[in-house]
Amino acid sequence: MADLISSLSDDIICYILYFLPSQQVVATSVLSKRWNLLWRSVFSLDFNADNEDFWGLSYQKTFITFYSSVCSFLVGRGDQPFYRISLIGYSSIDGIIESIKTQIRTAVSGSDRVQILDMNCGYEIVIPSAVFSFKSLVTLKLKYITVEDISLVDLPSLKILHLKNIKVNLSQLLSGCPNLEDLKVKHLTCETTGKFIGLPKLVRVRIDELFLPLEIFKDVEVFKVDWIFQPNNFDFQNLVQLKLIVGLDWLLLLEVLNHCPKLQSLVICIFKNDVRYFQTLNFPGYEEDVWPYPQTVPACISSHLKTIRLTRYSGSKDEFHFARYILENAKYLQTMEICFDDGYDLMETMERELSSFRYLPRFVFI
């Protein structure tokens, strides 16, 4: 049988190896003399402490093995730049030694042609500010890591930005990402100083707090947000998927839906861990046993809504009345999922009480 791989050029082989974890790439060096140094020409750094090479090790041994592998790889490649850097590791109990931090920082800052940067390896690692002016960067994912003070943001190619547990001036960062399509922000220690800009190409947003004016996200198609505390005075003209948390403020939810004329999918997480908190907000009619039936129906419910999912459903009257309201008015509804917090009896009660409707939802028991 012909050796088809050996007939390929070095460039094609390196392109194939680009998509493999770095440890597997280095392992190919034992195949033949030709492969001995080929791994050094692969423009990818990809180490994940959770992969099978580190399973079964103690935490401290995993840390030592992981960063030793990263350092050996960086030393072997020299100063060649990377197109992809993915480093998913751990913080050390004793701290990351300075030489490792310096090597990682040098590799990141010296790779101004990098297209994908995905880093989650502890606050001891510092992302240099130079990263935020890499014009080739398409994907930037930063978690549990320290960001150096940013002086300039110029990311014209950036399409995906995911941030978790970091400190950054979000408005400053977004101001330099005119082509951003996918934004995910969670547990941000955030500053929002500076001018807010529109993000006309933004399609998907997942944000746990509204650090920025809601209007910035008015053109998105998929929007997942924990809370909306006041109605907006503009429409989400392109929105087809919405996920959010609801306490007792069902009327506020319907007001938001009035501004989502094309919505097709709705996911609601019902949050009532402290009902008294919501009652102190003095929203008119927001009592657990009262659900003022609205006089109008949002256009998305009557004309577009296809799926709805209610999670953490407890069976209170307001929850039941909202579910019934949807069934009465959603003419094109295909699926309603109700995820119960507690008890098969509640599921049976819901099935019985809603059995008279033309459409009976699909129930999910949790």
Protein backbone atom coordinates (compact mmCIF):
# COMPACT_ATOMS: atom_id res chain seq x y z
CA MET A 1 0.00 0.00 0.00
CA ALA A 2 1.36 3.42 -0.96
CA ASP A 3 2.39 5.82 1.80
CA LEU A 4 0.14 8.72 0.84
CA ILE A 5 1.10 10.89 3.82
CA SER A 6 4.79 10.82 2.94
CA SER A 7 3.95 12.04 -0.54
CA LEU A 8 2.44 15.23 0.85
CA SER A 9 4.44 18.42 1.06
CA ASP A 10 5.68 19.73 4.40
CA ASP A 11 3.24 22.65 4.20
CA ILE A 12 0.23 20.35 3.85
CA ILE A 13 1.42 18.06 6.67
CA CYS A 14 1.94 21.08 8.95
CA TYR A 15 -1.54 22.31 8.08
CA ILE A 16 -3.00 18.93 9.14
CA LEU A 17 -0.96 18.92 12.36
CA TYR A 18 -2.18 22.45 13.10
CA PHE A 19 -5.52 21.01 14.24
CA LEU A 20 -4.02 18.47 16.68
CA PRO A 21 -3.07 19.00 20.35
CA SER A 22 0.58 20.02 20.63
CA GLN A 23 1.61 16.88 22.53
CA GLN A 24 0.36 14.72 19.66
CA VAL A 25 2.15 16.98 17.20
CA VAL A 26 5.48 16.53 19.02
CA ALA A 27 4.91 12.76 19.21
CA THR A 28 5.06 12.56 15.41
CA SER A 29 8.79 13.35 15.61
CA VAL A 30 9.52 9.64 16.22
CA LEU A 31 8.00 8.55 12.90
CA SER A 32 11.04 9.19 10.70
CA LYS A 33 13.97 11.53 10.14
CA ARG A 34 11.76 13.73 7.98
CA TRP A 35 9.29 14.16 10.84
CA ASN A 36 11.97 14.74 13.47
CA LEU A 37 11.87 18.53 13.27
CA LEU A 38 8.65 19.02 11.31
CA TRP A 39 6.60 19.74 14.44
CA ARG A 40 8.56 22.96 14.98
CA SER A 41 7.00 24.44 11.85
CA VAL A 42 3.41 23.94 13.04
CA PHE A 43 1.94 27.37 13.85
CA SER A 44 -0.18 26.18 16.77
CA LEU A 45 0.22 26.04 20.55
CA ASP A 46 -2.54 23.83 21.97
CA PHE A 47 -2.28 22.47 25.52
CA ASN A 48 -5.24 21.46 27.69
CA ALA A 49 -4.61 20.19 31.22
CA ASP A 50 -7.92 18.30 31.14
CA ASN A 51 -7.00 16.03 28.25
CA GLU A 52 -6.18 12.35 28.65
CA ASP A 53 -2.41 12.90 28.95
CA PHE A 54 -2.92 14.38 32.41
CA TRP A 55 -5.77 12.23 33.73
CA GLY A 56 -5.13 10.40 36.99
CA LEU A 57 -2.37 12.71 38.19
CA SER A 58 -2.52 14.56 41.47
CA TYR A 59 -3.31 18.26 41.24
CA GLN A 60 0.26 19.36 41.92
CA LYS A 61 1.76 16.73 39.60
CA THR A 62 -0.70 17.73 36.89
CA PHE A 63 0.39 21.34 37.23
CA ILE A 64 4.09 20.50 37.07
CA THR A 65 3.68 18.10 34.13
CA PHE A 66 1.46 20.50 32.23
CA TYR A 67 3.68 23.55 32.41
CA SER A 68 6.85 21.53 31.90
CA SER A 69 5.33 20.29 28.62
CA VAL A 70 4.38 23.83 27.60
CA CYS A 71 7.87 25.15 28.36
CA SER A 72 9.63 22.33 26.51
CA PHE A 73 7.43 22.98 23.49
CA LEU A 74 8.13 26.72 23.50
CA VAL A 75 11.89 26.22 23.92
CA GLY A 76 11.95 23.68 21.07
CA ARG A 77 10.14 26.00 18.65
CA GLY A 78 12.27 29.04 19.37
CA ASP A 79 10.85 32.42 18.41
CA GLN A 80 8.54 31.31 15.60
CA PRO A 81 5.11 32.98 15.77
CA PHE A 82 1.80 31.18 16.23
CA TYR A 83 -1.47 31.44 14.35
CA ARG A 84 -3.37 29.70 17.13
CA ILE A 85 -2.70 29.76 20.88
CA SER A 86 -4.92 27.66 23.13
CA LEU A 87 -3.70 27.24 26.69
CA ILE A 88 -6.17 25.72 29.16
CA GLY A 89 -4.44 24.94 32.44
CA TYR A 90 -4.44 25.48 36.20
CA SER A 91 -3.10 27.92 38.71
CA SER A 92 -0.45 26.40 40.94
CA ILE A 93 -0.86 26.12 44.67
CA ASP A 94 2.67 27.52 45.00
CA GLY A 95 2.38 29.97 42.11
CA ILE A 96 3.67 29.84 38.58
CA ILE A 97 7.40 30.41 38.41
CA GLU A 98 8.58 33.55 36.65
CA SER A 99 10.36 31.74 33.81
CA ILE A 100 7.14 30.01 32.75
CA LYS A 101 5.16 33.25 32.92
CA THR A 102 7.82 35.02 30.87
CA GLN A 103 7.90 32.31 28.21
CA ILE A 104 4.12 32.38 27.81
CA ARG A 105 4.03 36.17 27.72
CA THR A 106 6.82 36.27 25.11
CA ALA A 107 5.06 33.66 22.95
CA VAL A 108 1.77 35.60 23.05
CA SER A 109 3.20 39.07 22.49
CA GLY A 110 5.47 37.85 19.68
CA SER A 111 2.65 36.26 17.69
CA ASP A 112 1.08 39.30 16.05
CA ARG A 113 -0.29 37.08 13.26
CA VAL A 114 -2.31 34.96 15.69
CA GLN A 115 -5.91 34.33 14.63
CA ILE A 116 -7.18 32.35 17.64
CA LEU A 117 -6.23 33.14 21.24
CA ASP A 118 -7.93 31.03 23.92
CA MET A 119 -6.39 31.24 27.40
CA ASN A 120 -7.54 30.02 30.81
CA CYS A 121 -4.58 29.36 33.06
CA GLY A 122 -4.88 31.46 36.21
CA TYR A 123 -4.52 35.07 37.25
CA GLU A 124 -0.74 34.75 37.52
CA ILE A 125 -0.50 34.79 33.73
CA VAL A 126 -0.72 38.32 32.31
CA ILE A 127 -2.03 39.02 28.81
CA PRO A 128 0.09 41.84 27.32
CA SER A 129 -1.73 44.90 26.03
CA ALA A 130 -0.16 44.36 22.58
CA VAL A 131 -2.66 41.54 21.99
CA PHE A 132 -5.46 44.10 21.65
CA SER A 133 -3.93 45.55 18.51
CA PHE A 134 -3.38 42.25 16.66
CA LYS A 135 -5.14 42.95 13.38
CA SER A 136 -5.25 39.26 12.42
CA LEU A 137 -7.08 38.15 15.59
CA VAL A 138 -10.45 36.51 14.80
CA THR A 139 -11.26 34.69 18.07
CA LEU A 140 -10.36 35.93 21.57
CA LYS A 141 -11.37 33.89 24.63
CA LEU A 142 -10.01 34.87 28.04
CA LYS A 143 -10.96 33.24 31.36
CA TYR A 144 -9.54 33.56 34.87
CA ILE A 145 -6.55 35.54 33.67
CA THR A 146 -5.02 38.98 34.22
CA VAL A 147 -5.17 41.59 31.47
CA GLU A 148 -2.51 44.27 31.33
CA ASP A 149 -3.79 47.86 31.25
CA ILE A 150 -4.96 48.48 27.71
CA SER A 151 -3.86 51.64 25.95
CA LEU A 152 -5.15 50.85 22.45
CA VAL A 153 -7.78 48.49 21.03
CA ASP A 154 -7.61 47.82 17.30
CA LEU A 155 -9.10 44.44 16.42
CA PRO A 156 -10.65 44.89 12.94
CA SER A 157 -10.85 41.12 12.24
CA LEU A 158 -12.26 40.02 15.60
CA LYS A 159 -15.55 38.11 15.28
CA ILE A 160 -15.72 36.08 18.54
CA LEU A 161 -15.08 37.59 21.98
CA HIS A 162 -15.65 35.51 25.14
CA LEU A 163 -14.66 36.90 28.55
CA LYS A 164 -15.07 35.31 31.98
CA ASN A 165 -13.77 36.36 35.39
CA ILE A 166 -11.43 39.07 34.19
CA LYS A 167 -11.12 42.80 34.76
CA VAL A 168 -11.39 44.98 31.68
CA ASN A 169 -12.98 48.18 30.40
CA LEU A 170 -15.65 46.57 28.25
CA SER A 171 -16.73 49.73 26.44
CA GLN A 172 -13.11 50.48 25.51
CA LEU A 173 -12.61 46.93 24.30
CA LEU A 174 -15.75 46.84 22.16
CA SER A 175 -14.92 50.22 20.64
CA GLY A 176 -12.08 48.55 18.72
CA CYS A 177 -14.08 45.54 17.47
CA PRO A 178 -16.25 46.89 14.63
CA ASN A 179 -16.86 43.47 13.06
CA LEU A 180 -17.73 41.53 16.22
CA GLU A 181 -20.39 38.84 15.68
CA ASP A 182 -20.36 36.75 18.89
CA LEU A 183 -20.04 38.23 22.41
CA LYS A 184 -20.10 36.26 25.67
CA VAL A 185 -19.43 38.00 29.00
CA LYS A 186 -19.68 36.42 32.45
CA HIS A 187 -18.55 37.48 35.91
CA LEU A 188 -16.70 40.51 34.65
CA THR A 189 -15.08 43.03 36.95
CA CYS A 190 -16.05 45.73 34.55
CA GLU A 191 -15.45 49.37 33.83
CA THR A 192 -17.61 51.08 31.23
CA THR A 193 -15.92 54.43 30.84
CA GLY A 194 -15.75 55.98 27.43
CA LYS A 195 -18.10 56.34 24.48
CA PHE A 196 -20.44 53.52 23.59
CA ILE A 197 -20.49 52.48 19.96
CA GLY A 198 -22.87 50.46 17.86
CA LEU A 199 -21.98 46.90 16.86
CA PRO A 200 -23.82 46.48 13.56
CA LYS A 201 -22.54 42.96 12.83
CA LEU A 202 -23.22 41.52 16.28
CA VAL A 203 -25.39 38.39 15.96
CA ARG A 204 -25.10 36.45 19.24
CA VAL A 205 -24.84 37.84 22.78
CA ARG A 206 -24.63 36.09 26.16
CA ILE A 207 -24.16 38.47 29.05
CA ASP A 208 -24.94 38.03 32.74
CA GLU A 209 -25.16 41.75 33.52
CA LEU A 210 -26.03 44.72 31.35
CA PHE A 211 -22.78 46.65 31.64
CA LEU A 212 -23.68 48.52 28.49
CA PRO A 213 -26.88 50.22 27.24
CA LEU A 214 -29.38 47.63 26.06
CA GLU A 215 -29.74 49.46 22.75
CA ILE A 216 -26.24 48.34 21.70
CA PHE A 217 -27.67 44.84 21.26
CA LYS A 218 -30.81 45.81 19.35
CA ASP A 219 -29.71 44.14 16.07
CA VAL A 220 -28.74 40.72 17.47
CA GLU A 221 -30.46 37.48 16.49
CA VAL A 222 -29.65 35.49 19.65
CA PHE A 223 -29.73 37.21 23.06
CA LYS A 224 -29.15 35.51 26.41
CA VAL A 225 -29.20 37.83 29.42
CA ASP A 226 -29.83 37.19 33.09
CA TRP A 227 -32.00 40.20 33.91
CA ILE A 228 -33.81 43.04 32.20
CA PHE A 229 -35.06 45.45 34.85
CA GLN A 230 -36.90 47.98 32.71
CA PRO A 231 -38.70 47.95 29.37
CA ASN A 232 -36.90 49.25 26.32
CA ASN A 233 -38.23 51.88 23.93
CA PHE A 234 -36.87 50.27 20.76
CA ASP A 235 -37.43 46.99 18.91
CA PHE A 236 -35.15 43.98 18.56
CA GLN A 237 -36.02 43.68 14.88
CA ASN A 238 -33.80 40.65 14.17
CA LEU A 239 -34.14 38.73 17.42
CA VAL A 240 -35.25 35.10 16.99
CA GLN A 241 -33.90 33.53 20.23
CA LEU A 242 -34.19 34.99 23.72
CA LYS A 243 -33.19 33.54 27.08
CA LEU A 244 -33.54 35.36 30.38
CA ILE A 245 -34.38 35.06 34.08
CA VAL A 246 -37.82 36.03 35.37
CA GLY A 247 -38.77 36.57 39.01
CA LEU A 248 -42.34 37.77 39.51
CA ASP A 249 -42.20 40.43 36.79
CA TRP A 250 -44.28 38.69 34.12
CA LEU A 251 -45.74 41.96 32.84
CA LEU A 252 -42.25 43.33 32.31
CA LEU A 253 -41.45 40.18 30.36
CA LEU A 254 -44.48 40.71 28.13
CA GLU A 255 -43.44 44.34 27.63
CA VAL A 256 -40.01 43.15 26.48
CA LEU A 257 -41.68 40.64 24.14
CA ASN A 258 -43.69 43.48 22.64
CA HIS A 259 -40.38 44.74 21.28
CA CYS A 260 -39.31 41.37 19.80
CA PRO A 261 -41.63 41.10 16.79
CA LYS A 262 -39.87 38.12 15.14
CA LEU A 263 -39.05 36.01 18.20
CA GLN A 264 -39.32 32.26 17.57
CA SER A 265 -37.62 30.67 20.60
CA LEU A 266 -38.00 31.72 24.24
CA VAL A 267 -36.27 30.23 27.28
CA ILE A 268 -37.25 31.45 30.74
CA CYS A 269 -35.46 30.51 33.94
CA ILE A 270 -37.87 31.18 36.81
CA PHE A 271 -35.98 32.55 39.81
CA LYS A 272 -37.84 32.84 43.11
CA ASN A 273 -35.23 32.04 45.72
CA ASP A 274 -36.20 35.23 47.51
CA VAL A 275 -39.73 36.23 46.56
CA ARG A 276 -39.73 39.02 49.13
CA TYR A 277 -36.92 40.74 47.24
CA PHE A 278 -39.05 41.08 44.14
CA GLN A 279 -42.02 42.26 46.19
CA THR A 280 -39.92 45.09 47.60
CA LEU A 281 -39.40 46.40 44.07
CA ASN A 282 -43.07 47.53 44.06
CA PHE A 283 -43.86 46.30 40.58
CA PRO A 284 -47.67 46.67 40.29
CA GLY A 285 -49.44 43.31 40.31
CA TYR A 286 -46.33 41.22 40.80
CA GLU A 287 -47.67 38.89 43.44
CA GLU A 288 -47.15 35.17 43.31
CA ASP A 289 -50.86 34.34 43.49
CA VAL A 290 -52.01 37.11 41.13
CA TRP A 291 -51.44 37.28 37.39
CA PRO A 292 -53.19 40.28 35.76
CA TYR A 293 -54.32 39.01 32.39
CA PRO A 294 -52.93 41.41 29.75
CA GLN A 295 -55.32 42.99 27.28
CA THR A 296 -52.99 42.66 24.31
CA VAL A 297 -50.79 39.89 22.93
CA PRO A 298 -47.25 40.57 21.70
CA ALA A 299 -46.98 40.00 17.95
CA CYS A 300 -44.19 37.46 18.37
CA ILE A 301 -46.43 35.23 20.52
CA SER A 302 -49.38 35.30 18.16
CA SER A 303 -47.43 35.11 14.89
CA HIS A 304 -43.93 33.67 15.31
CA LEU A 305 -43.28 31.82 18.58
CA LYS A 306 -42.46 28.15 17.90
CA THR A 307 -40.74 26.91 21.06
CA ILE A 308 -40.80 27.93 24.71
CA ARG A 309 -39.00 26.42 27.66
CA LEU A 310 -39.82 27.16 31.30
CA THR A 311 -37.15 25.96 33.72
CA ARG A 312 -37.34 25.70 37.53
CA TYR A 313 -41.13 25.57 37.32
CA SER A 314 -42.60 25.31 40.84
CA GLY A 315 -46.33 25.24 40.09
CA SER A 316 -47.28 28.64 41.53
CA LYS A 317 -50.39 30.35 40.17
CA ASP A 318 -48.53 33.05 38.29
CA GLU A 319 -46.40 30.44 36.51
CA PHE A 320 -49.44 28.39 35.57
CA HIS A 321 -51.32 31.44 34.27
CA PHE A 322 -48.36 32.46 32.12
CA ALA A 323 -48.11 28.94 30.65
CA ARG A 324 -51.84 28.98 29.94
CA TYR A 325 -51.58 32.45 28.39
CA ILE A 326 -48.93 31.17 25.96
CA LEU A 327 -51.02 28.15 25.00
CA GLU A 328 -54.08 30.31 24.42
CA ASN A 329 -52.33 32.81 22.18
CA ALA A 330 -49.33 31.17 20.49
CA LYS A 331 -50.93 30.01 17.24
CA TYR A 332 -47.73 28.57 15.76
CA LEU A 333 -46.30 26.98 18.89
CA GLN A 334 -44.69 23.61 18.22
CA THR A 335 -43.07 22.74 21.55
CA MET A 336 -43.46 23.84 25.15
CA GLU A 337 -41.04 22.31 27.63
CA ILE A 338 -41.71 22.69 31.33
CA CYS A 339 -38.87 21.63 33.61
CA PHE A 340 -40.11 20.99 37.12
CA ASP A 341 -38.18 21.68 40.25
CA ASP A 342 -40.03 19.11 42.28
CA GLY A 343 -42.37 16.14 42.05
CA TYR A 344 -44.22 13.99 39.52
CA ASP A 345 -47.51 15.02 41.14
CA LEU A 346 -46.96 18.55 39.86
CA MET A 347 -46.36 17.25 36.36
CA GLU A 348 -49.56 15.21 36.45
CA THR A 349 -51.50 18.22 37.74
CA MET A 350 -50.21 20.38 34.90
CA GLU A 351 -51.15 17.75 32.31
CA ARG A 352 -54.64 17.52 33.75
CA GLU A 353 -55.23 21.27 34.00
CA LEU A 354 -53.95 21.95 30.50
CA SER A 355 -55.58 18.92 28.86
CA SER A 356 -58.39 21.02 27.36
CA PHE A 357 -56.01 22.95 25.12
CA ARG A 358 -55.59 22.12 21.44
CA TYR A 359 -51.88 21.61 22.09
CA LEU A 360 -50.46 19.80 25.09
CA PRO A 361 -46.86 20.67 25.91
CA ARG A 362 -43.99 18.23 26.21
CA PHE A 363 -43.02 17.96 29.86
CA VAL A 364 -39.49 17.49 31.14
CA PHE A 365 -38.98 16.33 34.69
CA ILE A 366 -35.83 17.39 36.52
